[in-house]
Amino acid sequence: SEKAKQLRAMRKYGKKVQTEILQRRQKEKKNMLNAVKKYQKGLSDK
């Protein structure tokens, strides 16, 4: 019972970490695409 409880906690934590990583990657990708669009349109020179 204790081992099953630990496995459930680890799975829950792993899913949480995986979700956070995917959200961070999507956010970084979105920010990079916005920056590229601004540079192509001439709104930014950085």
ModelCIF file with pLDDT and N, C-alpha, C, O atoms, coordinates in Angstrom:
data_MODEL
#
_entry.id   MODEL 
#
_entity.id                         1 
_entity.type                       polymer 
_entity.pdbx_number_of_molecules   1 
#
_entity_poly.entity_id                      1 
_entity_poly.type                           'polypeptide(L)' 
_entity_poly.nstd_linkage                   no 
_entity_poly.nstd_monomer                   no 
_entity_poly.pdbx_seq_one_letter_code       SEKAKQLRAMRKYGKKVQTEILQRRQKEKKNMLNAVKKYQKGLSDK 
_entity_poly.pdbx_seq_one_letter_code_can   SEKAKQLRAMRKYGKKVQTEILQRRQKEKKNMLNAVKKYQKGLSDK 
_entity_poly.pdbx_strand_id                 A 
#
loop_
_entity_poly_seq.entity_id 
_entity_poly_seq.num 
_entity_poly_seq.mon_id 
_entity_poly_seq.hetero 
1 1  SER n 
1 2  GLU n 
1 3  LYS n 
1 4  ALA n 
1 5  LYS n 
1 6  GLN n 
1 7  LEU n 
1 8  ARG n 
1 9  ALA n 
1 10 MET n 
1 11 ARG n 
1 12 LYS n 
1 13 TYR n 
1 14 GLY n 
1 15 LYS n 
1 16 LYS n 
1 17 VAL n 
1 18 GLN n 
1 19 THR n 
1 20 GLU n 
1 21 ILE n 
1 22 LEU n 
1 23 GLN n 
1 24 ARG n 
1 25 ARG n 
1 26 GLN n 
1 27 LYS n 
1 28 GLU n 
1 29 LYS n 
1 30 LYS n 
1 31 ASN n 
1 32 MET n 
1 33 LEU n 
1 34 ASN n 
1 35 ALA n 
1 36 VAL n 
1 37 LYS n 
1 38 LYS n 
1 39 TYR n 
1 40 GLN n 
1 41 LYS n 
1 42 GLY n 
1 43 LEU n 
1 44 SER n 
1 45 ASP n 
1 46 LYS n 
#
_struct_asym.id          A 
_struct_asym.entity_id   1 
#
loop_
_ma_qa_metric.id 
_ma_qa_metric.mode 
_ma_qa_metric.name 
_ma_qa_metric.software_group_id 
_ma_qa_metric.type 
1 global pLDDT . pLDDT 
2 local  pLDDT . pLDDT 
#
_ma_qa_metric_global.metric_id      1 
_ma_qa_metric_global.metric_value   83.02 
_ma_qa_metric_global.model_id       1 
_ma_qa_metric_global.ordinal_id     1 
#
loop_
_ma_qa_metric_local.label_asym_id 
_ma_qa_metric_local.label_comp_id 
_ma_qa_metric_local.label_seq_id 
_ma_qa_metric_local.metric_id 
_ma_qa_metric_local.metric_value 
_ma_qa_metric_local.model_id 
_ma_qa_metric_local.ordinal_id 
A SER 1  2 91.00 1 1  
A GLU 2  2 90.00 1 2  
A LYS 3  2 90.00 1 3  
A ALA 4  2 90.00 1 4  
A LYS 5  2 90.00 1 5  
A GLN 6  2 87.00 1 6  
A LEU 7  2 87.00 1 7  
A ARG 8  2 88.00 1 8  
A ALA 9  2 87.00 1 9  
A MET 10 2 85.00 1 10 
A ARG 11 2 87.00 1 11 
A LYS 12 2 86.00 1 12 
A TYR 13 2 86.00 1 13 
A GLY 14 2 86.00 1 14 
A LYS 15 2 86.00 1 15 
A LYS 16 2 85.00 1 16 
A VAL 17 2 87.00 1 17 
A GLN 18 2 86.00 1 18 
A THR 19 2 86.00 1 19 
A GLU 20 2 87.00 1 20 
A ILE 21 2 89.00 1 21 
A LEU 22 2 88.00 1 22 
A GLN 23 2 87.00 1 23 
A ARG 24 2 88.00 1 24 
A ARG 25 2 87.00 1 25 
A GLN 26 2 88.00 1 26 
A LYS 27 2 87.00 1 27 
A GLU 28 2 86.00 1 28 
A LYS 29 2 85.00 1 29 
A LYS 30 2 85.00 1 30 
A ASN 31 2 84.00 1 31 
A MET 32 2 83.00 1 32 
A LEU 33 2 83.00 1 33 
A ASN 34 2 82.00 1 34 
A ALA 35 2 80.00 1 35 
A VAL 36 2 80.00 1 36 
A LYS 37 2 79.00 1 37 
A LYS 38 2 78.00 1 38 
A TYR 39 2 75.00 1 39 
A GLN 40 2 74.00 1 40 
A LYS 41 2 73.00 1 41 
A GLY 42 2 69.00 1 42 
A LEU 43 2 67.00 1 43 
A SER 44 2 67.00 1 44 
A ASP 45 2 63.00 1 45 
A LYS 46 2 65.00 1 46 
#
loop_
_atom_site.group_PDB 
_atom_site.id 
_atom_site.type_symbol 
_atom_site.label_atom_id 
_atom_site.label_alt_id 
_atom_site.label_comp_id 
_atom_site.label_asym_id 
_atom_site.label_entity_id 
_atom_site.label_seq_id 
_atom_site.pdbx_PDB_ins_code 
_atom_site.Cartn_x 
_atom_site.Cartn_y 
_atom_site.Cartn_z 
_atom_site.occupancy 
_atom_site.B_iso_or_equiv 
_atom_site.pdbx_formal_charge 
_atom_site.auth_seq_id 
_atom_site.auth_comp_id 
_atom_site.auth_asym_id 
_atom_site.auth_atom_id 
_atom_site.pdbx_PDB_model_num 
ATOM 1   N N  . SER A 1 1  ? 0.822  -1.207 0.000   1.00 91.00 ? 1  SER A N  1 
ATOM 2   C CA . SER A 1 1  ? 0.000  0.000  0.000   1.00 91.00 ? 1  SER A CA 1 
ATOM 3   C C  . SER A 1 1  ? 0.858  1.260  0.000   1.00 91.00 ? 1  SER A C  1 
ATOM 4   O O  . SER A 1 1  ? 0.561  2.222  -0.708  1.00 91.00 ? 1  SER A O  1 
ATOM 5   N N  . GLU A 1 2  ? 1.926  1.249  0.799   1.00 90.00 ? 2  GLU A N  1 
ATOM 6   C CA . GLU A 1 2  ? 2.822  2.415  0.850   1.00 90.00 ? 2  GLU A CA 1 
ATOM 7   C C  . GLU A 1 2  ? 3.543  2.605  -0.478  1.00 90.00 ? 2  GLU A C  1 
ATOM 8   O O  . GLU A 1 2  ? 3.716  3.734  -0.937  1.00 90.00 ? 2  GLU A O  1 
ATOM 9   N N  . LYS A 1 3  ? 3.965  1.497  -1.099  1.00 90.00 ? 3  LYS A N  1 
ATOM 10  C CA . LYS A 1 3  ? 4.653  1.591  -2.387  1.00 90.00 ? 3  LYS A CA 1 
ATOM 11  C C  . LYS A 1 3  ? 3.720  2.120  -3.466  1.00 90.00 ? 3  LYS A C  1 
ATOM 12  O O  . LYS A 1 3  ? 4.114  2.960  -4.275  1.00 90.00 ? 3  LYS A O  1 
ATOM 13  N N  . ALA A 1 4  ? 2.462  1.620  -3.479  1.00 90.00 ? 4  ALA A N  1 
ATOM 14  C CA . ALA A 1 4  ? 1.491  2.117  -4.453  1.00 90.00 ? 4  ALA A CA 1 
ATOM 15  C C  . ALA A 1 4  ? 1.209  3.608  -4.238  1.00 90.00 ? 4  ALA A C  1 
ATOM 16  O O  . ALA A 1 4  ? 1.045  4.366  -5.195  1.00 90.00 ? 4  ALA A O  1 
ATOM 17  N N  . LYS A 1 5  ? 1.156  4.009  -2.978  1.00 90.00 ? 5  LYS A N  1 
ATOM 18  C CA . LYS A 1 5  ? 0.934  5.424  -2.674  1.00 90.00 ? 5  LYS A CA 1 
ATOM 19  C C  . LYS A 1 5  ? 2.079  6.279  -3.191  1.00 90.00 ? 5  LYS A C  1 
ATOM 20  O O  . LYS A 1 5  ? 1.855  7.351  -3.753  1.00 90.00 ? 5  LYS A O  1 
ATOM 21  N N  . GLN A 1 6  ? 3.319  5.800  -3.001  1.00 87.00 ? 6  GLN A N  1 
ATOM 22  C CA . GLN A 1 6  ? 4.477  6.542  -3.498  1.00 87.00 ? 6  GLN A CA 1 
ATOM 23  C C  . GLN A 1 6  ? 4.476  6.616  -5.018  1.00 87.00 ? 6  GLN A C  1 
ATOM 24  O O  . GLN A 1 6  ? 4.795  7.657  -5.591  1.00 87.00 ? 6  GLN A O  1 
ATOM 25  N N  . LEU A 1 7  ? 4.112  5.498  -5.681  1.00 87.00 ? 7  LEU A N  1 
ATOM 26  C CA . LEU A 1 7  ? 4.069  5.506  -7.144  1.00 87.00 ? 7  LEU A CA 1 
ATOM 27  C C  . LEU A 1 7  ? 3.024  6.489  -7.661  1.00 87.00 ? 7  LEU A C  1 
ATOM 28  O O  . LEU A 1 7  ? 3.262  7.202  -8.636  1.00 87.00 ? 7  LEU A O  1 
ATOM 29  N N  . ARG A 1 8  ? 1.866  6.524  -7.003  1.00 88.00 ? 8  ARG A N  1 
ATOM 30  C CA . ARG A 1 8  ? 0.840  7.490  -7.421  1.00 88.00 ? 8  ARG A CA 1 
ATOM 31  C C  . ARG A 1 8  ? 1.328  8.923  -7.255  1.00 88.00 ? 8  ARG A C  1 
ATOM 32  O O  . ARG A 1 8  ? 1.085  9.779  -8.106  1.00 88.00 ? 8  ARG A O  1 
ATOM 33  N N  . ALA A 1 9  ? 2.023  9.168  -6.142  1.00 87.00 ? 9  ALA A N  1 
ATOM 34  C CA . ALA A 1 9  ? 2.544  10.525 -5.923  1.00 87.00 ? 9  ALA A CA 1 
ATOM 35  C C  . ALA A 1 9  ? 3.596  10.880 -6.975  1.00 87.00 ? 9  ALA A C  1 
ATOM 36  O O  . ALA A 1 9  ? 3.629  12.007 -7.470  1.00 87.00 ? 9  ALA A O  1 
ATOM 37  N N  . MET A 1 10 ? 4.467  9.901  -7.317  1.00 85.00 ? 10 MET A N  1 
ATOM 38  C CA . MET A 1 10 ? 5.511  10.160 -8.319  1.00 85.00 ? 10 MET A CA 1 
ATOM 39  C C  . MET A 1 10 ? 4.901  10.402 -9.698  1.00 85.00 ? 10 MET A C  1 
ATOM 40  O O  . MET A 1 10 ? 5.342  11.285 -10.433 1.00 85.00 ? 10 MET A O  1 
ATOM 41  N N  . ARG A 1 11 ? 3.870  9.602  -10.046 1.00 87.00 ? 11 ARG A N  1 
ATOM 42  C CA . ARG A 1 11 ? 3.213  9.812  -11.333 1.00 87.00 ? 11 ARG A CA 1 
ATOM 43  C C  . ARG A 1 11 ? 2.541  11.181 -11.394 1.00 87.00 ? 11 ARG A C  1 
ATOM 44  O O  . ARG A 1 11 ? 2.611  11.876 -12.407 1.00 87.00 ? 11 ARG A O  1 
ATOM 45  N N  . LYS A 1 12 ? 1.902  11.548 -10.316 1.00 86.00 ? 12 LYS A N  1 
ATOM 46  C CA . LYS A 1 12 ? 1.243  12.852 -10.267 1.00 86.00 ? 12 LYS A CA 1 
ATOM 47  C C  . LYS A 1 12 ? 2.261  13.971 -10.412 1.00 86.00 ? 12 LYS A C  1 
ATOM 48  O O  . LYS A 1 12 ? 2.032  14.937 -11.139 1.00 86.00 ? 12 LYS A O  1 
ATOM 49  N N  . TYR A 1 13 ? 3.399  13.839 -9.710  1.00 86.00 ? 13 TYR A N  1 
ATOM 50  C CA . TYR A 1 13 ? 4.445  14.856 -9.805  1.00 86.00 ? 13 TYR A CA 1 
ATOM 51  C C  . TYR A 1 13 ? 5.058  14.884 -11.200 1.00 86.00 ? 13 TYR A C  1 
ATOM 52  O O  . TYR A 1 13 ? 5.353  15.954 -11.733 1.00 86.00 ? 13 TYR A O  1 
ATOM 53  N N  . GLY A 1 14 ? 5.255  13.670 -11.809 1.00 86.00 ? 14 GLY A N  1 
ATOM 54  C CA . GLY A 1 14 ? 5.821  13.613 -13.151 1.00 86.00 ? 14 GLY A CA 1 
ATOM 55  C C  . GLY A 1 14 ? 4.917  14.260 -14.181 1.00 86.00 ? 14 GLY A C  1 
ATOM 56  O O  . GLY A 1 14 ? 5.390  14.980 -15.060 1.00 86.00 ? 14 GLY A O  1 
ATOM 57  N N  . LYS A 1 15 ? 3.609  14.008 -14.079 1.00 86.00 ? 15 LYS A N  1 
ATOM 58  C CA . LYS A 1 15 ? 2.671  14.649 -14.996 1.00 86.00 ? 15 LYS A CA 1 
ATOM 59  C C  . LYS A 1 15 ? 2.681  16.164 -14.822 1.00 86.00 ? 15 LYS A C  1 
ATOM 60  O O  . LYS A 1 15 ? 2.595  16.909 -15.798 1.00 86.00 ? 15 LYS A O  1 
ATOM 61  N N  . LYS A 1 16 ? 2.785  16.609 -13.583 1.00 85.00 ? 16 LYS A N  1 
ATOM 62  C CA . LYS A 1 16 ? 2.808  18.045 -13.324 1.00 85.00 ? 16 LYS A CA 1 
ATOM 63  C C  . LYS A 1 16 ? 4.050  18.681 -13.943 1.00 85.00 ? 16 LYS A C  1 
ATOM 64  O O  . LYS A 1 16 ? 3.967  19.734 -14.575 1.00 85.00 ? 16 LYS A O  1 
ATOM 65  N N  . VAL A 1 17 ? 5.210  18.031 -13.754 1.00 87.00 ? 17 VAL A N  1 
ATOM 66  C CA . VAL A 1 17 ? 6.456  18.570 -14.312 1.00 87.00 ? 17 VAL A CA 1 
ATOM 67  C C  . VAL A 1 17 ? 6.409  18.572 -15.835 1.00 87.00 ? 17 VAL A C  1 
ATOM 68  O O  . VAL A 1 17 ? 6.835  19.536 -16.472 1.00 87.00 ? 17 VAL A O  1 
ATOM 69  N N  . GLN A 1 18 ? 5.884  17.476 -16.429 1.00 86.00 ? 18 GLN A N  1 
ATOM 70  C CA . GLN A 1 18 ? 5.790  17.387 -17.874 1.00 86.00 ? 18 GLN A CA 1 
ATOM 71  C C  . GLN A 1 18 ? 4.874  18.476 -18.437 1.00 86.00 ? 18 GLN A C  1 
ATOM 72  O O  . GLN A 1 18 ? 5.176  19.082 -19.465 1.00 86.00 ? 18 GLN A O  1 
ATOM 73  N N  . THR A 1 19 ? 3.771  18.712 -17.761 1.00 86.00 ? 19 THR A N  1 
ATOM 74  C CA . THR A 1 19 ? 2.854  19.763 -18.211 1.00 86.00 ? 19 THR A CA 1 
ATOM 75  C C  . THR A 1 19 ? 3.516  21.138 -18.132 1.00 86.00 ? 19 THR A C  1 
ATOM 76  O O  . THR A 1 19 ? 3.351  21.966 -19.028 1.00 86.00 ? 19 THR A O  1 
ATOM 77  N N  . GLU A 1 20 ? 4.262  21.374 -17.060 1.00 87.00 ? 20 GLU A N  1 
ATOM 78  C CA . GLU A 1 20 ? 4.947  22.660 -16.923 1.00 87.00 ? 20 GLU A CA 1 
ATOM 79  C C  . GLU A 1 20 ? 5.997  22.850 -18.014 1.00 87.00 ? 20 GLU A C  1 
ATOM 80  O O  . GLU A 1 20 ? 6.150  23.949 -18.548 1.00 87.00 ? 20 GLU A O  1 
ATOM 81  N N  . ILE A 1 21 ? 6.730  21.769 -18.350 1.00 89.00 ? 21 ILE A N  1 
ATOM 82  C CA . ILE A 1 21 ? 7.754  21.872 -19.391 1.00 89.00 ? 21 ILE A CA 1 
ATOM 83  C C  . ILE A 1 21 ? 7.118  22.165 -20.745 1.00 89.00 ? 21 ILE A C  1 
ATOM 84  O O  . ILE A 1 21 ? 7.603  23.015 -21.491 1.00 89.00 ? 21 ILE A O  1 
ATOM 85  N N  . LEU A 1 22 ? 6.019  21.452 -21.067 1.00 88.00 ? 22 LEU A N  1 
ATOM 86  C CA . LEU A 1 22 ? 5.342  21.687 -22.343 1.00 88.00 ? 22 LEU A CA 1 
ATOM 87  C C  . LEU A 1 22 ? 4.788  23.114 -22.428 1.00 88.00 ? 22 LEU A C  1 
ATOM 88  O O  . LEU A 1 22 ? 4.881  23.760 -23.471 1.00 88.00 ? 22 LEU A O  1 
ATOM 89  N N  . GLN A 1 23 ? 4.219  23.592 -21.334 1.00 87.00 ? 23 GLN A N  1 
ATOM 90  C CA . GLN A 1 23 ? 3.705  24.964 -21.336 1.00 87.00 ? 23 GLN A CA 1 
ATOM 91  C C  . GLN A 1 23 ? 4.833  25.979 -21.513 1.00 87.00 ? 23 GLN A C  1 
ATOM 92  O O  . GLN A 1 23 ? 4.679  26.971 -22.225 1.00 87.00 ? 23 GLN A O  1 
ATOM 93  N N  . ARG A 1 24 ? 5.977  25.719 -20.854 1.00 88.00 ? 24 ARG A N  1 
ATOM 94  C CA . ARG A 1 24 ? 7.104  26.647 -20.997 1.00 88.00 ? 24 ARG A CA 1 
ATOM 95  C C  . ARG A 1 24 ? 7.646  26.655 -22.422 1.00 88.00 ? 24 ARG A C  1 
ATOM 96  O O  . ARG A 1 24 ? 7.982  27.708 -22.963 1.00 88.00 ? 24 ARG A O  1 
ATOM 97  N N  . ARG A 1 25 ? 7.728  25.447 -23.035 1.00 87.00 ? 25 ARG A N  1 
ATOM 98  C CA . ARG A 1 25 ? 8.208  25.382 -24.415 1.00 87.00 ? 25 ARG A CA 1 
ATOM 99  C C  . ARG A 1 25 ? 7.255  26.099 -25.373 1.00 87.00 ? 25 ARG A C  1 
ATOM 100 O O  . ARG A 1 25 ? 7.691  26.823 -26.267 1.00 87.00 ? 25 ARG A O  1 
ATOM 101 N N  . GLN A 1 26 ? 5.968  25.891 -25.177 1.00 88.00 ? 26 GLN A N  1 
ATOM 102 C CA . GLN A 1 26 ? 5.003  26.573 -26.031 1.00 88.00 ? 26 GLN A CA 1 
ATOM 103 C C  . GLN A 1 26 ? 5.090  28.090 -25.873 1.00 88.00 ? 26 GLN A C  1 
ATOM 104 O O  . GLN A 1 26 ? 4.984  28.834 -26.848 1.00 88.00 ? 26 GLN A O  1 
ATOM 105 N N  . LYS A 1 27 ? 5.284  28.537 -24.638 1.00 87.00 ? 27 LYS A N  1 
ATOM 106 C CA . LYS A 1 27 ? 5.402  29.976 -24.396 1.00 87.00 ? 27 LYS A CA 1 
ATOM 107 C C  . LYS A 1 27 ? 6.655  30.544 -25.057 1.00 87.00 ? 27 LYS A C  1 
ATOM 108 O O  . LYS A 1 27 ? 6.610  31.611 -25.670 1.00 87.00 ? 27 LYS A O  1 
ATOM 109 N N  . GLU A 1 28 ? 7.800  29.810 -24.929 1.00 86.00 ? 28 GLU A N  1 
ATOM 110 C CA . GLU A 1 28 ? 9.040  30.275 -25.556 1.00 86.00 ? 28 GLU A CA 1 
ATOM 111 C C  . GLU A 1 28 ? 8.907  30.307 -27.078 1.00 86.00 ? 28 GLU A C  1 
ATOM 112 O O  . GLU A 1 28 ? 9.359  31.244 -27.736 1.00 86.00 ? 28 GLU A O  1 
ATOM 113 N N  . LYS A 1 29 ? 8.273  29.257 -27.626 1.00 85.00 ? 29 LYS A N  1 
ATOM 114 C CA . LYS A 1 29 ? 8.091  29.218 -29.077 1.00 85.00 ? 29 LYS A CA 1 
ATOM 115 C C  . LYS A 1 29 ? 7.210  30.373 -29.548 1.00 85.00 ? 29 LYS A C  1 
ATOM 116 O O  . LYS A 1 29 ? 7.498  31.003 -30.565 1.00 85.00 ? 29 LYS A O  1 
ATOM 117 N N  . LYS A 1 30 ? 6.147  30.647 -28.813 1.00 85.00 ? 30 LYS A N  1 
ATOM 118 C CA . LYS A 1 30 ? 5.240  31.739 -29.170 1.00 85.00 ? 30 LYS A CA 1 
ATOM 119 C C  . LYS A 1 30 ? 5.966  33.084 -29.105 1.00 85.00 ? 30 LYS A C  1 
ATOM 120 O O  . LYS A 1 30 ? 5.805  33.925 -29.990 1.00 85.00 ? 30 LYS A O  1 
ATOM 121 N N  . ASN A 1 31 ? 6.777  33.285 -28.041 1.00 84.00 ? 31 ASN A N  1 
ATOM 122 C CA . ASN A 1 31 ? 7.523  34.549 -27.924 1.00 84.00 ? 31 ASN A CA 1 
ATOM 123 C C  . ASN A 1 31 ? 8.517  34.706 -29.067 1.00 84.00 ? 31 ASN A C  1 
ATOM 124 O O  . ASN A 1 31 ? 8.687  35.799 -29.606 1.00 84.00 ? 31 ASN A O  1 
ATOM 125 N N  . MET A 1 32 ? 9.190  33.577 -29.441 1.00 83.00 ? 32 MET A N  1 
ATOM 126 C CA . MET A 1 32 ? 10.169 33.666 -30.526 1.00 83.00 ? 32 MET A CA 1 
ATOM 127 C C  . MET A 1 32 ? 9.492  33.981 -31.852 1.00 83.00 ? 32 MET A C  1 
ATOM 128 O O  . MET A 1 32 ? 10.002 34.787 -32.631 1.00 83.00 ? 32 MET A O  1 
ATOM 129 N N  . LEU A 1 33 ? 8.334  33.346 -32.122 1.00 83.00 ? 33 LEU A N  1 
ATOM 130 C CA . LEU A 1 33 ? 7.617  33.626 -33.370 1.00 83.00 ? 33 LEU A CA 1 
ATOM 131 C C  . LEU A 1 33 ? 7.139  35.067 -33.420 1.00 83.00 ? 33 LEU A C  1 
ATOM 132 O O  . LEU A 1 33 ? 7.180  35.698 -34.476 1.00 83.00 ? 33 LEU A O  1 
ATOM 133 N N  . ASN A 1 34 ? 6.689  35.591 -32.293 1.00 82.00 ? 34 ASN A N  1 
ATOM 134 C CA . ASN A 1 34 ? 6.270  37.005 -32.254 1.00 82.00 ? 34 ASN A CA 1 
ATOM 135 C C  . ASN A 1 34 ? 7.446  37.931 -32.525 1.00 82.00 ? 34 ASN A C  1 
ATOM 136 O O  . ASN A 1 34 ? 7.312  38.930 -33.232 1.00 82.00 ? 34 ASN A O  1 
ATOM 137 N N  . ALA A 1 35 ? 8.614  37.587 -31.950 1.00 80.00 ? 35 ALA A N  1 
ATOM 138 C CA . ALA A 1 35 ? 9.795  38.423 -32.181 1.00 80.00 ? 35 ALA A CA 1 
ATOM 139 C C  . ALA A 1 35 ? 10.227 38.361 -33.639 1.00 80.00 ? 35 ALA A C  1 
ATOM 140 O O  . ALA A 1 35 ? 10.633 39.375 -34.206 1.00 80.00 ? 35 ALA A O  1 
ATOM 141 N N  . VAL A 1 36 ? 10.143 37.175 -34.256 1.00 80.00 ? 36 VAL A N  1 
ATOM 142 C CA . VAL A 1 36 ? 10.509 37.051 -35.672 1.00 80.00 ? 36 VAL A CA 1 
ATOM 143 C C  . VAL A 1 36 ? 9.562  37.871 -36.554 1.00 80.00 ? 36 VAL A C  1 
ATOM 144 O O  . VAL A 1 36 ? 9.997  38.548 -37.486 1.00 80.00 ? 36 VAL A O  1 
ATOM 145 N N  . LYS A 1 37 ? 8.261  37.801 -36.246 1.00 79.00 ? 37 LYS A N  1 
ATOM 146 C CA . LYS A 1 37 ? 7.292  38.568 -37.021 1.00 79.00 ? 37 LYS A CA 1 
ATOM 147 C C  . LYS A 1 37 ? 7.545  40.073 -36.897 1.00 79.00 ? 37 LYS A C  1 
ATOM 148 O O  . LYS A 1 37 ? 7.449  40.814 -37.875 1.00 79.00 ? 37 LYS A O  1 
ATOM 149 N N  . LYS A 1 38 ? 7.872  40.511 -35.664 1.00 78.00 ? 38 LYS A N  1 
ATOM 150 C CA . LYS A 1 38 ? 8.165  41.942 -35.478 1.00 78.00 ? 38 LYS A CA 1 
ATOM 151 C C  . LYS A 1 38 ? 9.398  42.351 -36.266 1.00 78.00 ? 38 LYS A C  1 
ATOM 152 O O  . LYS A 1 38 ? 9.440  43.437 -36.843 1.00 78.00 ? 38 LYS A O  1 
ATOM 153 N N  . TYR A 1 39 ? 10.424 41.462 -36.291 1.00 75.00 ? 39 TYR A N  1 
ATOM 154 C CA . TYR A 1 39 ? 11.641 41.803 -37.035 1.00 75.00 ? 39 TYR A CA 1 
ATOM 155 C C  . TYR A 1 39 ? 11.372 41.831 -38.538 1.00 75.00 ? 39 TYR A C  1 
ATOM 156 O O  . TYR A 1 39 ? 11.897 42.694 -39.242 1.00 75.00 ? 39 TYR A O  1 
ATOM 157 N N  . GLN A 1 40 ? 10.562 40.897 -39.037 1.00 74.00 ? 40 GLN A N  1 
ATOM 158 C CA . GLN A 1 40 ? 10.256 40.873 -40.466 1.00 74.00 ? 40 GLN A CA 1 
ATOM 159 C C  . GLN A 1 40 ? 9.456  42.094 -40.891 1.00 74.00 ? 40 GLN A C  1 
ATOM 160 O O  . GLN A 1 40 ? 9.632  42.611 -41.994 1.00 74.00 ? 40 GLN A O  1 
ATOM 161 N N  . LYS A 1 41 ? 8.588  42.544 -40.016 1.00 73.00 ? 41 LYS A N  1 
ATOM 162 C CA . LYS A 1 41 ? 7.774  43.720 -40.345 1.00 73.00 ? 41 LYS A CA 1 
ATOM 163 C C  . LYS A 1 41 ? 8.518  45.020 -40.123 1.00 73.00 ? 41 LYS A C  1 
ATOM 164 O O  . LYS A 1 41 ? 8.006  46.087 -40.460 1.00 73.00 ? 41 LYS A O  1 
ATOM 165 N N  . GLY A 1 42 ? 9.730  44.954 -39.556 1.00 69.00 ? 42 GLY A N  1 
ATOM 166 C CA . GLY A 1 42 ? 10.497 46.163 -39.317 1.00 69.00 ? 42 GLY A CA 1 
ATOM 167 C C  . GLY A 1 42 ? 10.141 46.884 -38.046 1.00 69.00 ? 42 GLY A C  1 
ATOM 168 O O  . GLY A 1 42 ? 10.577 48.015 -37.833 1.00 69.00 ? 42 GLY A O  1 
ATOM 169 N N  . LEU A 1 43 ? 9.347  46.247 -37.183 1.00 67.00 ? 43 LEU A N  1 
ATOM 170 C CA . LEU A 1 43 ? 8.973  46.897 -35.927 1.00 67.00 ? 43 LEU A CA 1 
ATOM 171 C C  . LEU A 1 43 ? 10.081 46.805 -34.893 1.00 67.00 ? 43 LEU A C  1 
ATOM 172 O O  . LEU A 1 43 ? 10.065 47.546 -33.910 1.00 67.00 ? 43 LEU A O  1 
ATOM 173 N N  . SER A 1 44 ? 11.033 45.921 -35.090 1.00 67.00 ? 44 SER A N  1 
ATOM 174 C CA . SER A 1 44 ? 12.130 45.758 -34.147 1.00 67.00 ? 44 SER A CA 1 
ATOM 175 C C  . SER A 1 44 ? 13.394 45.437 -34.927 1.00 67.00 ? 44 SER A C  1 
ATOM 176 O O  . SER A 1 44 ? 13.340 44.752 -35.949 1.00 67.00 ? 44 SER A O  1 
ATOM 177 N N  . ASP A 1 45 ? 14.536 45.931 -34.449 1.00 63.00 ? 45 ASP A N  1 
ATOM 178 C CA . ASP A 1 45 ? 15.822 45.655 -35.093 1.00 63.00 ? 45 ASP A CA 1 
ATOM 179 C C  . ASP A 1 45 ? 16.750 44.837 -34.204 1.00 63.00 ? 45 ASP A C  1 
ATOM 180 O O  . ASP A 1 45 ? 17.956 44.787 -34.445 1.00 63.00 ? 45 ASP A O  1 
ATOM 181 N N  . LYS A 1 46 ? 16.193 44.193 -33.177 1.00 65.00 ? 46 LYS A N  1 
ATOM 182 C CA . LYS A 1 46 ? 16.995 43.395 -32.244 1.00 65.00 ? 46 LYS A CA 1 
ATOM 183 C C  . LYS A 1 46 ? 16.888 41.927 -32.627 1.00 65.00 ? 46 LYS A C  1 
ATOM 184 O O  . LYS A 1 46 ? 17.487 41.073 -31.972 1.00 65.00 ? 46 LYS A O  1 
#
